[in-house]
C-alpha atoms as a PDB file:
ATOM      1  CA  MET A   1     -17.707  -3.056 -12.007  1.00  0.00           C
ATOM      2  CA  ARG A   2     -15.388  -6.181 -13.088  1.00  0.00           C
ATOM      3  CA  LEU A   3     -15.393  -4.993 -16.873  1.00  0.00           C
ATOM      4  CA  GLY A   4     -15.676  -1.298 -16.959  1.00  0.00           C
ATOM      5  CA  VAL A   5     -13.392  -0.104 -14.088  1.00  0.00           C
ATOM      6  CA  PRO A   6     -10.561  -2.430 -14.716  1.00  0.00           C
ATOM      7  CA  SER A   7     -10.078  -1.801 -18.276  1.00  0.00           C
ATOM      8  CA  VAL A   8     -10.776   1.743 -18.195  1.00  0.00           C
ATOM      9  CA  THR A   9      -8.293   2.163 -15.465  1.00  0.00           C
ATOM     10  CA  LYS A  10      -5.518   0.117 -17.286  1.00  0.00           C
ATOM     11  CA  PHE A  11      -6.317   2.071 -20.431  1.00  0.00           C
ATOM     12  CA  ARG A  12      -5.852   5.566 -18.726  1.00  0.00           C
ATOM     13  CA  GLN A  13      -2.609   4.504 -17.125  1.00  0.00           C
ATOM     14  CA  ASP A  14      -0.911   2.660 -19.947  1.00  0.00           C
ATOM     15  CA  ASN A  15      -1.838   6.040 -21.554  1.00  0.00           C
ATOM     16  CA  ILE A  16       0.002   8.167 -19.342  1.00  0.00           C
ATOM     17  CA  ASP A  17       3.021   5.632 -19.117  1.00  0.00           C
ATOM     18  CA  THR A  18       3.460   5.743 -23.015  1.00  0.00           C
ATOM     19  CA  LEU A  19       3.513   9.669 -22.680  1.00  0.00           C
ATOM     20  CA  ARG A  20       6.067   9.690 -19.954  1.00  0.00           C
ATOM     21  CA  ASN A  21       8.634   7.546 -21.833  1.00  0.00           C
ATOM     22  CA  GLN A  22       7.884   9.655 -25.148  1.00  0.00           C
ATOM     23  CA  LEU A  23       8.454  12.790 -22.836  1.00  0.00           C
ATOM     24  CA  ALA A  24      11.773  11.292 -21.702  1.00  0.00           C
ATOM     25  CA  LYS A  25      13.236  10.763 -24.931  1.00  0.00           C
ATOM     26  CA  LEU A  26      12.950  14.293 -25.648  1.00  0.00           C
ATOM     27  CA  GLN A  27      14.853  15.382 -22.986  1.00  0.00           C
ATOM     28  CA  PRO A  28      18.725  15.321 -22.321  1.00  0.00           C
ATOM     29  CA  ASN A  29      19.958  12.522 -19.704  1.00  0.00           C
ATOM     30  CA  ASP A  30      23.490  13.110 -18.790  1.00  0.00           C
ATOM     31  CA  ALA A  31      24.915  14.294 -15.844  1.00  0.00           C
ATOM     32  CA  LEU A  32      23.977  18.100 -16.422  1.00  0.00           C
ATOM     33  CA  ALA A  33      20.525  17.150 -17.697  1.00  0.00           C
ATOM     34  CA  ILE A  34      18.667  18.336 -14.496  1.00  0.00           C
ATOM     35  CA  PHE A  35      20.072  21.624 -14.550  1.00  0.00           C
ATOM     36  CA  ARG A  36      19.643  22.154 -18.155  1.00  0.00           C
ATOM     37  CA  ARG A  37      16.158  21.376 -17.830  1.00  0.00           C
ATOM     38  CA  MET A  38      15.464  23.872 -15.056  1.00  0.00           C
ATOM     39  CA  LEU A  39      17.432  26.809 -16.616  1.00  0.00           C
ATOM     40  CA  GLY A  40      16.691  26.263 -20.138  1.00  0.00           C
ATOM     41  CA  PRO A  41      13.651  27.224 -22.388  1.00  0.00           C
ATOM     42  CA  LYS A  42      10.974  24.016 -22.890  1.00  0.00           C
ATOM     43  CA  SER A  43      10.706  23.026 -26.269  1.00  0.00           C
ATOM     44  CA  PRO A  44       7.033  23.147 -27.660  1.00  0.00           C
ATOM     45  CA  LYS A  45       7.113  19.024 -27.903  1.00  0.00           C
ATOM     46  CA  VAL A  46       7.920  18.860 -24.353  1.00  0.00           C
ATOM     47  CA  ALA A  47       5.259  21.327 -22.973  1.00  0.00           C
ATOM     48  CA  ALA A  48       2.828  19.660 -25.093  1.00  0.00           C
ATOM     49  CA  TYR A  49       3.648  16.139 -23.686  1.00  0.00           C
ATOM     50  CA  GLU A  50       3.436  17.677 -20.119  1.00  0.00           C
ATOM     51  CA  ALA A  51       0.369  19.123 -21.058  1.00  0.00           C
ATOM     52  CA  ASP A  52      -1.303  15.863 -22.209  1.00  0.00           C
ATOM     53  CA  ILE A  53       0.215  13.918 -19.346  1.00  0.00           C
ATOM     54  CA  ALA A  54      -1.626  16.675 -16.476  1.00  0.00           C
ATOM     55  CA  LYS A  55      -4.610  16.182 -18.626  1.00  0.00           C
ATOM     56  CA  ALA A  56      -4.425  12.403 -18.515  1.00  0.00           C
ATOM     57  CA  GLU A  57      -3.571  12.321 -15.001  1.00  0.00           C
ATOM     58  CA  ALA A  58      -6.472  14.762 -14.260  1.00  0.00           C
ATOM     59  CA  ARG A  59      -8.944  12.387 -15.957  1.00  0.00           C
ATOM     60  CA  LEU A  60      -7.405   9.328 -14.184  1.00  0.00           C
ATOM     61  CA  ALA A  61      -8.043  10.905 -10.555  1.00  0.00           C
ATOM     62  CA  ASP A  62     -11.558  12.180 -11.648  1.00  0.00           C
ATOM     63  CA  LEU A  63     -12.406   8.575 -12.938  1.00  0.00           C
ATOM     64  CA  ARG A  64     -11.000   6.975  -9.591  1.00  0.00           C
ATOM     65  CA  ARG A  65     -12.796   9.616  -7.463  1.00  0.00           C
ATOM     66  CA  LEU A  66     -16.335   8.104  -9.736  1.00  0.00           C
ATOM     67  CA  GLU A  67     -15.504   4.605  -8.854  1.00  0.00           C
ATOM     68  CA  PRO A  68     -17.619   4.772  -5.420  1.00  0.00           C
ATOM     69  CA  ALA A  69     -20.772   6.215  -7.025  1.00  0.00           C
ATOM     70  CA  PHE A  70     -20.586   3.652 -10.119  1.00  0.00           C
ATOM     71  CA  LYS A  71     -20.468   0.853  -7.687  1.00  0.00           C
ATOM     72  CA  ASN A  72     -23.712   2.281  -5.883  1.00  0.00           C
ATOM     73  CA  PHE A  73     -25.287   2.719  -9.356  1.00  0.00           C
ATOM     74  CA  VAL A  74     -24.549  -0.967 -10.235  1.00  0.00           C
ATOM     75  CA  GLN A  75     -26.011  -2.276  -6.981  1.00  0.00           C
ATOM     76  CA  GLU A  76     -29.340  -0.356  -7.486  1.00  0.00           C
ATOM     77  CA  ALA A  77     -29.444  -1.566 -11.001  1.00  0.00           C
ATOM     78  CA  GLY A  78     -28.858  -4.970  -9.766  1.00  0.00           C
ATOM     79  CA  ASP A  79     -31.570  -4.790  -6.810  1.00  0.00           C
ATOM     80  CA  TRP A  80     -34.021  -3.335  -9.408  1.00  0.00           C
ATOM     81  CA  THR A  81     -33.989  -6.373 -11.153  1.00  0.00           C
ATOM     82  CA  LYS A  82     -34.398  -8.840  -8.635  1.00  0.00           C
ATOM     83  CA  GLY A  83     -37.853 -10.506  -7.915  1.00  0.00           C
ATOM     84  CA  ARG A  84     -38.992  -9.426 -11.369  1.00  0.00           C
ATOM     85  CA  ASP A  85     -40.657 -12.379 -13.689  1.00  0.00           C
ATOM     86  CA  PRO A  86     -37.861 -12.652 -16.849  1.00  0.00           C
ATOM     87  CA  TRP A  87     -40.286 -13.522 -19.367  1.00  0.00           C
ATOM     88  CA  GLY A  88     -43.001 -10.928 -18.168  1.00  0.00           C
ATOM     89  CA  LEU A  89     -44.002  -7.758 -20.155  1.00  0.00           C
ATOM     90  CA  MET A  90     -42.845  -4.515 -18.625  1.00  0.00           C
ATOM     91  CA  LEU A  91     -45.131  -1.966 -17.723  1.00  0.00           C
ATOM     92  CA  ALA A  92     -44.865   1.454 -19.056  1.00  0.00           C
ATOM     93  CA  THR A  93     -43.113   2.816 -15.574  1.00  0.00           C
ATOM     94  CA  ASP A  94     -40.859  -0.260 -15.606  1.00  0.00           C
ATOM     95  CA  ILE A  95     -39.213   0.977 -19.469  1.00  0.00           C
ATOM     96  CA  ALA A  96     -39.340   4.334 -18.634  1.00  0.00           C
ATOM     97  CA  ASP A  97     -36.986   3.517 -15.434  1.00  0.00           C
ATOM     98  CA  LEU A  98     -35.127   1.630 -17.526  1.00  0.00           C
ATOM     99  CA  ASP A  99     -34.537   4.252 -20.407  1.00  0.00           C
ATOM    100  CA  ALA A 100     -33.277   6.557 -17.249  1.00  0.00           C
ATOM    101  CA  ARG A 101     -31.271   4.147 -15.752  1.00  0.00           C
ATOM    102  CA  MET A 102     -29.365   3.491 -19.237  1.00  0.00           C
ATOM    103  CA  LYS A 103     -29.544   7.490 -19.815  1.00  0.00           C
ATOM    104  CA  ARG A 104     -27.483   7.643 -16.920  1.00  0.00           C
ATOM    105  CA  ALA A 105     -24.794   5.105 -17.610  1.00  0.00           C
ATOM    106  CA  ARG A 106     -24.377   6.694 -20.932  1.00  0.00           C
ATOM    107  CA  GLU A 107     -24.146  10.068 -19.646  1.00  0.00           C
ATOM    108  CA  GLU A 108     -22.742   9.781 -16.164  1.00  0.00           C
ATOM    109  CA  PHE A 109     -20.326   6.603 -16.208  1.00  0.00           C
ATOM    110  CA  GLY A 110     -19.807   6.123 -19.690  1.00  0.00           C
ATOM    111  CA  ASP A 111     -16.155   5.721 -19.444  1.00  0.00           C
ATOM    112  CA  PHE A 112     -16.955   2.514 -17.357  1.00  0.00           C
ATOM    113  CA  THR A 113     -20.071   1.239 -19.277  1.00  0.00           C
ATOM    114  CA  HIS A 114     -19.139   1.934 -22.958  1.00  0.00           C
ATOM    115  CA  TYR A 115     -17.713  -1.115 -23.723  1.00  0.00           C
ATOM    116  CA  ALA A 116     -19.643  -3.592 -21.047  1.00  0.00           C
ATOM    117  CA  ALA A 117     -23.450  -2.435 -21.463  1.00  0.00           C
ATOM    118  CA  PRO A 118     -25.710  -1.530 -24.007  1.00  0.00           C
ATOM    119  CA  ASN A 119     -26.379   2.577 -24.449  1.00  0.00           C
ATOM    120  CA  ARG A 120     -30.260   2.269 -25.426  1.00  0.00           C
ATOM    121  CA  ARG A 121     -32.999  -0.246 -24.949  1.00  0.00           C
ATOM    122  CA  GLU A 122     -33.255  -0.582 -28.638  1.00  0.00           C
ATOM    123  CA  GLU A 123     -29.817  -2.426 -28.402  1.00  0.00           C
ATOM    124  CA  LEU A 124     -31.704  -5.269 -25.856  1.00  0.00           C
ATOM    125  CA  GLU A 125     -34.233  -5.913 -28.388  1.00  0.00           C
ATOM    126  CA  ALA A 126     -32.315  -8.891 -30.343  1.00  0.00           C
ATOM    127  CA  THR A 127     -30.876  -9.986 -27.043  1.00  0.00           C
ATOM    128  CA  THR A 128     -33.732 -10.186 -25.942  1.00  0.00           C
ATOM    129  CA  LEU A 129     -35.421 -12.214 -28.668  1.00  0.00           C
ATOM    130  CA  VAL A 130     -32.095 -14.928 -28.277  1.00  0.00           C
ATOM    131  CA  ALA A 131     -32.580 -15.287 -24.688  1.00  0.00           C
ATOM    132  CA  MET A 132     -36.034 -16.032 -25.460  1.00  0.00           C
ATOM    133  CA  ALA A 133     -35.413 -18.131 -28.286  1.00  0.00           C
ATOM    134  CA  SER A 134     -33.102 -20.491 -26.584  1.00  0.00           C
ATOM    135  CA  ALA A 135     -34.733 -20.105 -22.984  1.00  0.00           C
ATOM    136  CA  ASP A 136     -36.781 -22.933 -21.455  1.00  0.00           C
ATOM    137  CA  ASP A 137     -40.263 -23.831 -22.120  1.00  0.00           C
ATOM    138  CA  ARG A 138     -41.910 -21.057 -20.262  1.00  0.00           C
ATOM    139  CA  GLY A 139     -39.405 -18.311 -21.913  1.00  0.00           C
ATOM    140  CA  TYR A 140     -39.601 -19.570 -25.661  1.00  0.00           C
ATOM    141  CA  ALA A 141     -43.737 -19.795 -25.197  1.00  0.00           C
ATOM    142  CA  ALA A 142     -43.450 -15.936 -24.352  1.00  0.00           C
ATOM    143  CA  LEU A 143     -42.672 -15.399 -27.859  1.00  0.00           C
ATOM    144  CA  PRO A 144     -45.520 -14.598 -30.225  1.00  0.00           C
ATOM    145  CA  GLU A 145     -46.805 -17.183 -32.778  1.00  0.00           C
ATOM    146  CA  ALA A 146     -45.111 -15.292 -35.316  1.00  0.00           C
ATOM    147  CA  VAL A 147     -41.879 -14.736 -33.726  1.00  0.00           C
ATOM    148  CA  ARG A 148     -41.774 -18.683 -33.127  1.00  0.00           C
ATOM    149  CA  ALA A 149     -42.459 -19.591 -36.913  1.00  0.00           C
ATOM    150  CA  LEU A 150     -40.021 -16.828 -38.052  1.00  0.00           C
ATOM    151  CA  ILE A 151     -37.326 -18.131 -35.854  1.00  0.00           C
ATOM    152  CA  ASN A 152     -38.129 -21.627 -36.825  1.00  0.00           C
ATOM    153  CA  ARG A 153     -37.817 -20.969 -40.614  1.00  0.00           C
ATOM    154  CA  ASP A 154     -34.931 -18.462 -41.120  1.00  0.00           C
ATOM    155  CA  TYR A 155     -32.760 -18.250 -38.010  1.00  0.00           C
ATOM    156  CA  LEU A 156     -31.892 -21.579 -36.510  1.00  0.00           C
ATOM    157  CA  LEU A 157     -28.803 -22.126 -37.991  1.00  0.00           C
ATOM    158  CA  PRO A 158     -25.504 -19.746 -37.826  1.00  0.00           C
ATOM    159  CA  ALA A 159     -25.504 -16.593 -40.084  1.00  0.00           C
ATOM    160  CA  GLY A 160     -23.096 -16.952 -42.716  1.00  0.00           C
ATOM    161  CA  ARG A 161     -21.280 -19.919 -41.671  1.00  0.00           C
ATOM    162  CA  TRP A 162     -22.075 -23.337 -40.432  1.00  0.00           C
ATOM    163  CA  HIS A 163     -21.066 -25.977 -37.764  1.00  0.00           C
ATOM    164  CA  GLN A 164     -19.513 -29.099 -39.484  1.00  0.00           C
ATOM    165  CA  MET A 165     -18.037 -32.279 -39.202  1.00  0.00           C
ATOM    166  CA  PHE A 166     -15.254 -33.386 -41.542  1.00  0.00           C
ATOM    167  CA  GLY A 167     -14.776 -31.699 -44.945  1.00  0.00           C
ATOM    168  CA  ARG A 168     -12.831 -28.647 -46.026  1.00  0.00           C
ATOM    169  CA  GLY A 169     -14.418 -26.177 -43.676  1.00  0.00           C
ATOM    170  CA  GLU A 170     -14.009 -22.316 -43.667  1.00  0.00           C
ATOM    171  CA  GLU A 171     -11.081 -20.269 -44.305  1.00  0.00           C
ATOM    172  CA  ILE A 172     -10.778 -16.779 -42.449  1.00  0.00           C
ATOM    173  CA  GLN A 173      -6.913 -16.522 -42.212  1.00  0.00           C
ATOM    174  CA  SER A 174      -4.316 -19.101 -42.977  1.00  0.00           C
ATOM    175  CA  ASP A 175      -4.578 -21.898 -40.157  1.00  0.00           C
ATOM    176  CA  SER A 176      -6.935 -24.242 -41.951  1.00  0.00           C
ATOM    177  CA  SER A 177      -4.945 -24.014 -45.045  1.00  0.00           C
ATOM    178  CA  ALA A 178      -1.900 -24.752 -43.258  1.00  0.00           C
ATOM    179  CA  MET A 179      -3.536 -27.642 -41.391  1.00  0.00           C
ATOM    180  CA  ARG A 180      -4.400 -29.253 -44.587  1.00  0.00           C
ATOM    181  CA  GLU A 181      -1.450 -28.693 -46.047  1.00  0.00           C
ATOM    182  CA  GLU A 182       0.309 -30.730 -43.375  1.00  0.00           C
ATOM    183  CA  GLY A 183      -2.063 -33.672 -44.227  1.00  0.00           C
ATOM    184  CA  ASN A 184      -4.547 -33.183 -41.414  1.00  0.00           C
ATOM    185  CA  ILE A 185      -8.439 -33.950 -41.611  1.00  0.00           C
ATOM    186  CA  MET A 186     -10.878 -31.447 -39.952  1.00  0.00           C
ATOM    187  CA  LEU A 187     -13.071 -33.399 -37.271  1.00  0.00           C
ATOM    188  CA  LEU A 188     -15.182 -30.549 -36.315  1.00  0.00           C
ATOM    189  CA  GLN A 189     -16.032 -27.017 -37.108  1.00  0.00           C
ATOM    190  CA  LEU A 190     -17.755 -24.466 -34.570  1.00  0.00           C
ATOM    191  CA  THR A 191     -18.637 -21.240 -35.550  1.00  0.00           C
ATOM    192  CA  HIS A 192     -20.235 -17.953 -34.240  1.00  0.00           C
ATOM    193  CA  ASP A 193     -23.875 -18.675 -33.070  1.00  0.00           C
ATOM    194  CA  ASP A 194     -26.655 -16.256 -31.526  1.00  0.00           C
ATOM    195  CA  LEU A 195     -28.973 -19.065 -30.296  1.00  0.00           C
ATOM    196  CA  MET A 196     -26.091 -21.522 -28.862  1.00  0.00           C
ATOM    197  CA  HIS A 197     -24.730 -17.617 -27.303  1.00  0.00           C
ATOM    198  CA  TRP A 198     -21.486 -18.224 -28.784  1.00  0.00           C
ATOM    199  CA  GLY A 199     -19.436 -15.168 -29.898  1.00  0.00           C
ATOM    200  CA  PHE A 200     -15.799 -16.825 -30.794  1.00  0.00           C
ATOM    201  CA  GLY A 201     -13.935 -13.191 -31.208  1.00  0.00           C
ATOM    202  CA  ASP A 202     -15.158 -11.228 -34.415  1.00  0.00           C
ATOM    203  CA  ASN A 203     -17.410 -14.196 -35.740  1.00  0.00           C
ATOM    204  CA  GLY A 204     -14.676 -16.248 -35.140  1.00  0.00           C
ATOM    205  CA  ILE A 205     -14.472 -20.515 -35.956  1.00  0.00           C
ATOM    206  CA  TYR A 206     -12.761 -23.059 -33.891  1.00  0.00           C
ATOM    207  CA  GLN A 207     -11.540 -25.961 -36.128  1.00  0.00           C
ATOM    208  CA  PHE A 208     -10.190 -29.615 -34.503  1.00  0.00           C
ATOM    209  CA  TRP A 209      -7.925 -31.471 -36.843  1.00  0.00           C
ATOM    210  CA  ILE A 210      -6.274 -34.896 -36.556  1.00  0.00           C
ATOM    211  CA  SER A 211      -3.649 -36.815 -38.570  1.00  0.00           C
ATOM    212  CA  PRO A 212      -4.538 -39.546 -41.066  1.00  0.00           C
ATOM    213  CA  ALA A 213      -2.926 -42.131 -39.073  1.00  0.00           C
ATOM    214  CA  ASP A 214      -4.120 -40.967 -35.641  1.00  0.00           C
ATOM    215  CA  LEU A 215      -7.467 -41.027 -36.998  1.00  0.00           C
ATOM    216  CA  THR A 216      -7.042 -44.278 -38.051  1.00  0.00           C
ATOM    217  CA  THR A 217      -6.075 -45.475 -34.637  1.00  0.00           C
ATOM    218  CA  ARG A 218      -8.572 -43.521 -32.704  1.00  0.00           C
ATOM    219  CA  ASN A 219      -5.662 -41.454 -30.955  1.00  0.00           C
ATOM    220  CA  ARG A 220      -8.390 -38.509 -30.327  1.00  0.00           C
ATOM    221  CA  SER A 221      -5.917 -37.221 -27.537  1.00  0.00           C
ATOM    222  CA  SER A 222      -3.462 -35.930 -30.623  1.00  0.00           C
ATOM    223  CA  ALA A 223      -6.445 -33.796 -32.200  1.00  0.00           C
ATOM    224  CA  LYS A 224      -5.020 -30.133 -32.234  1.00  0.00           C
ATOM    225  CA  MET A 225      -7.461 -26.905 -32.496  1.00  0.00           C
ATOM    226  CA  THR A 226      -7.091 -24.025 -34.402  1.00  0.00           C
ATOM    227  CA  PHE A 227      -8.934 -20.839 -33.905  1.00  0.00           C
ATOM    228  CA  GLU A 228      -9.282 -18.008 -36.717  1.00  0.00           C
ATOM    229  CA  CYS A 229     -11.469 -14.492 -36.584  1.00  0.00           C
ATOM    230  CA  HIS A 230     -11.131 -11.460 -38.596  1.00  0.00           C
END
């Protein structure tokens, strides 16, 4: 509710406002404009914009009417998860129920859930593995031994990039190059890390910089942070 409804409503309203502004640019705006619009034939472009606006307004009204049902759906889904063992295996009936709820979210409330919730159970599998691998002792122990061994062997480090202290650091756009050209020293680099539940933009990187003089005097308050992503 916090993510899906406001973002969809704003997107639809912004689209309507854009169409109205484009329509206004096509309309005469002198003192007699209202009479010419009433008496003269509409241009194909004006008619098309008006049709698009009417369609967008009708869709926004439909979504507003759907909000109470979606709110109830979210509450029901939340209630369904209460009191369950987070690390226990799901029964076949639970899996069928989950699939049905996700199908309803996808088909009935797709506008609200499209970017805020997974569409299918398969999308939850990697999320579940990450949650268990970084959970408390009981959650971690619930993973099969072969999976724990695989994670410890191949997946403890971030994929593609790395956390780092000092050195050159990673390049994505141009901030790190600019900071080095100014003579700054990189103190720390933090990157996208699934097991830390860190998702920085589109696999982005935070880097922390300091000048040599401030590093010598340990004036850490002067450190600067840059962020880059694709």
